[in-house]
Protein backbone atom coordinates (compact mmCIF):
# COMPACT_ATOMS: atom_id res chain seq x y z
CA UNK A 1 -5.34 -7.61 -17.98
CA UNK A 2 -6.52 -7.71 -14.36
CA UNK A 3 -6.08 -4.91 -11.84
CA UNK A 4 -4.62 -5.60 -8.40
CA UNK A 5 -4.05 -3.41 -5.39
CA UNK A 6 -1.08 -4.01 -3.10
CA UNK A 7 -1.91 -2.75 0.40
CA UNK A 8 0.97 -1.77 2.67
CA UNK A 9 0.25 -1.77 6.41
CA UNK A 10 2.75 -0.23 8.82
CA UNK A 11 3.27 0.63 12.44
CA UNK A 12 3.21 4.42 12.17
CA UNK A 13 4.88 5.00 15.54
CA UNK A 14 7.75 2.69 14.62
CA UNK A 15 8.16 4.42 11.24
CA UNK A 16 8.34 7.84 12.91
CA UNK A 17 11.29 6.66 15.02
CA UNK A 18 13.08 4.88 12.15
CA UNK A 19 16.49 6.42 11.40
CA UNK A 20 16.82 8.14 8.01
CA UNK A 21 19.33 5.55 6.74
CA UNK A 22 16.81 2.75 7.33
CA UNK A 23 14.05 4.79 5.69
CA UNK A 24 16.27 5.16 2.61
CA UNK A 25 16.64 1.37 2.46
CA UNK A 26 12.85 1.05 2.45
CA UNK A 27 12.48 3.66 -0.30
CA UNK A 28 15.18 1.86 -2.31
CA UNK A 29 13.23 -1.40 -2.00
CA UNK A 30 10.21 0.38 -3.49
CA UNK A 31 12.30 1.64 -6.40
CA UNK A 32 13.59 -1.89 -7.01
CA UNK A 33 10.01 -3.18 -6.87
CA UNK A 34 8.92 -0.70 -9.56
CA UNK A 35 11.86 -1.72 -11.74
CA UNK A 36 11.09 -5.41 -11.25
CA UNK A 37 7.45 -4.87 -12.24
CA UNK A 38 8.47 -3.21 -15.50
CA UNK A 39 11.08 -5.86 -16.31
CA UNK A 40 8.55 -8.66 -15.83
CA UNK A 41 5.70 -7.16 -17.82
CA UNK A 42 3.47 -5.83 -15.06
CA UNK A 43 2.12 -2.31 -15.47
CA UNK A 44 2.32 0.17 -12.60
CA UNK A 45 -0.93 2.20 -12.62
CA UNK A 46 -0.48 4.32 -9.51
CA UNK A 47 0.69 4.24 -5.94
CA UNK A 48 1.29 6.49 -2.98
CA UNK A 49 2.58 6.73 0.54
CA UNK A 50 -0.32 7.93 2.68
CA UNK A 51 -0.15 10.61 5.35
CA UNK A 52 -0.39 9.29 8.93
CA UNK A 53 -3.80 8.04 10.03
CA UNK A 54 -3.94 10.81 12.62
CA UNK A 55 -4.56 13.15 9.67
CA UNK A 56 -7.44 11.04 8.34
CA UNK A 57 -11.04 12.18 8.49
CA UNK A 58 -13.76 9.65 9.22
CA UNK A 59 -17.03 10.49 7.49
CA UNK A 60 -20.45 9.07 8.34
CA UNK A 61 -24.03 10.07 7.77
CA UNK A 62 -25.65 11.19 4.54
CA UNK A 63 -25.41 14.09 2.10
CA UNK A 64 -27.58 16.28 4.29
CA UNK A 65 -26.15 15.24 7.67
CA UNK A 66 -22.45 14.49 7.60
CA UNK A 67 -20.46 13.80 10.71
CA UNK A 68 -16.70 14.15 10.41
CA UNK A 69 -14.27 13.01 13.08
CA UNK A 70 -10.50 12.88 13.11
CA UNK A 71 -8.85 9.52 12.38
CA UNK A 72 -7.71 6.91 12.55
CA UNK A 73 -10.70 4.78 11.54
CA UNK A 74 -9.60 1.91 13.78
CA UNK A 75 -7.35 1.91 16.82
CA UNK A 76 -4.67 -0.58 15.81
CA UNK A 77 -0.90 -0.92 15.92
CA UNK A 78 -0.81 -1.03 12.12
CA UNK A 79 -2.55 1.34 9.73
CA UNK A 80 -2.69 1.47 5.94
CA UNK A 81 0.44 3.43 5.03
CA UNK A 82 0.48 3.10 1.25
CA UNK A 83 -0.70 1.24 -1.82
CA UNK A 84 0.07 0.32 -5.41
CA UNK A 85 -2.35 -0.40 -8.25
CA UNK A 86 -0.89 -2.84 -10.76
CA UNK A 87 -2.19 -4.27 -14.07
CA UNK A 88 -1.04 -7.84 -14.60
CA UNK A 89 -1.81 -10.96 -16.59
CA UNK A 90 0.27 -13.15 -14.26
CA UNK A 91 -0.84 -13.11 -10.62
CA UNK A 92 1.70 -15.73 -9.56
CA UNK A 93 4.60 -13.67 -10.90
CA UNK A 94 3.13 -10.46 -9.48
CA UNK A 95 3.06 -12.11 -6.04
CA UNK A 96 6.74 -13.01 -6.43
CA UNK A 97 7.49 -9.37 -7.30
CA UNK A 98 5.55 -8.21 -4.23
CA UNK A 99 7.82 -10.51 -2.25
CA UNK A 100 10.63 -8.04 -3.01
CA UNK A 101 8.83 -5.48 -0.85
CA UNK A 102 8.31 -7.91 2.04
CA UNK A 103 11.96 -7.59 3.07
CA UNK A 104 11.34 -3.88 3.70
CA UNK A 105 7.65 -3.81 4.63
CA UNK A 106 6.81 -7.20 6.17
CA UNK A 107 3.53 -8.89 5.23
CA UNK A 108 1.57 -7.25 2.41
CA UNK A 109 -1.94 -7.78 1.08
CA UNK A 110 -2.79 -8.18 -2.61
CA UNK A 111 -6.39 -7.96 -3.82
CA UNK A 112 -8.00 -8.01 -7.25
CA UNK A 113 -10.54 -5.39 -8.19
CA UNK A 114 -14.10 -6.77 -8.56
CA UNK A 115 -14.22 -8.35 -11.96
CA UNK A 116 -10.44 -8.66 -11.79
CA UNK A 117 -8.50 -11.85 -12.03
CA UNK A 118 -8.10 -13.73 -8.73
């Protein structure tokens, strides 16, 4: 079974101003996605919604000389807002399942782990 990560980019400023009812629709889409994965034989490994990029810490340097700055890493309209890790033997079907999230999240990125199955 290959491991895939589903990366969820989002416009953090837009999300902050999204009414609660619309947020609930997005969370419901994620619940439906998890159900769809299970029904179709994909295994959810883990996933999370990330805190805003303004709370990120950017680390550079080495063990002895670390420099830490406040995020985000890149100034961009969209930042990584969440992710899923999925085990699957059927990439094509997994991509169809990920399509369920596109109605709520827009374009998503799916990548195999090194040694995975793409």
